[in-house]
Amino acid sequence: MSTETAPPAGTVDPRLLEILVCPVTKGPLRYDREKNELVSERAGLAYPIRDGIPIMLPDEARKLAG
């Protein structure tokens, strides 16, 4: 039995953030804790996180203003 615990609700496992990249640019993502999104500055997209699961589909991403 594993002694590892899941991250608290509303957070993302830091190990997951280390391996995830933007599906459009293959570039890094920044976690926005306030909006609960993974942000790709290069693509201008923010991917939602639902129930602790990043939704890495460009069609589901929010376009960043600017």
Protein backbone atom coordinates (compact mmCIF):
# COMPACT_ATOMS: atom_id res chain seq x y z
CA MET A 1 0.00 0.00 0.00
CA SER A 2 1.35 3.43 -0.96
CA THR A 3 1.95 6.04 1.73
CA GLU A 4 1.71 8.90 -0.76
CA THR A 5 -1.34 11.11 -0.45
CA ALA A 6 -3.13 13.12 -3.09
CA PRO A 7 -2.60 16.88 -3.07
CA PRO A 8 -5.24 18.92 -1.25
CA ALA A 9 -8.40 19.76 -3.16
CA GLY A 10 -7.96 22.74 -5.46
CA THR A 11 -4.26 22.09 -6.05
CA VAL A 12 -2.26 20.27 -8.69
CA ASP A 13 0.43 17.71 -7.96
CA PRO A 14 3.78 19.49 -8.55
CA ARG A 15 5.17 16.32 -10.17
CA LEU A 16 2.39 16.51 -12.75
CA LEU A 17 3.27 20.13 -13.53
CA GLU A 18 6.86 19.09 -14.22
CA ILE A 19 5.85 16.73 -17.04
CA LEU A 20 2.86 18.50 -18.62
CA VAL A 21 3.42 20.75 -21.62
CA CYS A 22 1.10 22.76 -23.81
CA PRO A 23 -0.35 20.47 -26.51
CA VAL A 24 -0.17 23.32 -29.05
CA THR A 25 3.36 24.68 -28.50
CA LYS A 26 4.93 21.84 -26.49
CA GLY A 27 6.11 24.65 -24.21
CA PRO A 28 5.92 25.08 -20.44
CA LEU A 29 2.75 25.71 -18.48
CA ARG A 30 2.22 27.96 -15.46
CA TYR A 31 -0.29 27.00 -12.78
CA ASP A 32 -2.76 29.78 -11.93
CA ARG A 33 -4.03 28.77 -8.50
CA GLU A 34 -6.64 31.56 -8.35
CA LYS A 35 -8.35 30.51 -11.60
CA ASN A 36 -7.43 26.82 -11.30
CA GLU A 37 -5.94 26.72 -14.80
CA LEU A 38 -2.72 25.76 -16.54
CA VAL A 39 -1.58 28.71 -18.63
CA SER A 40 0.45 28.57 -21.82
CA GLU A 41 1.76 32.09 -22.39
CA ARG A 42 3.14 31.21 -25.84
CA ALA A 43 -0.15 29.76 -27.10
CA GLY A 44 -2.25 32.39 -25.34
CA LEU A 45 -4.42 29.65 -23.82
CA ALA A 46 -5.49 28.63 -20.33
CA TYR A 47 -6.45 24.99 -19.81
CA PRO A 48 -9.04 24.33 -17.10
CA ILE A 49 -8.56 21.90 -14.24
CA ARG A 50 -11.72 20.01 -13.32
CA ASP A 51 -11.88 17.77 -10.26
CA GLY A 52 -8.08 17.88 -10.09
CA ILE A 53 -7.68 16.75 -13.72
CA PRO A 54 -6.11 19.11 -16.27
CA ILE A 55 -8.21 19.26 -19.44
CA MET A 56 -5.46 19.56 -22.05
CA LEU A 57 -7.68 20.02 -25.11
CA PRO A 58 -7.25 23.24 -27.13
CA ASP A 59 -11.02 23.29 -27.79
CA GLU A 60 -11.64 23.40 -24.03
CA ALA A 61 -9.03 26.10 -23.33
CA ARG A 62 -9.84 29.73 -22.63
CA LYS A 63 -8.13 32.31 -24.85
CA LEU A 64 -6.05 34.78 -22.87
CA ALA A 65 -6.87 38.46 -23.24
CA GLY A 66 -4.31 40.58 -25.02
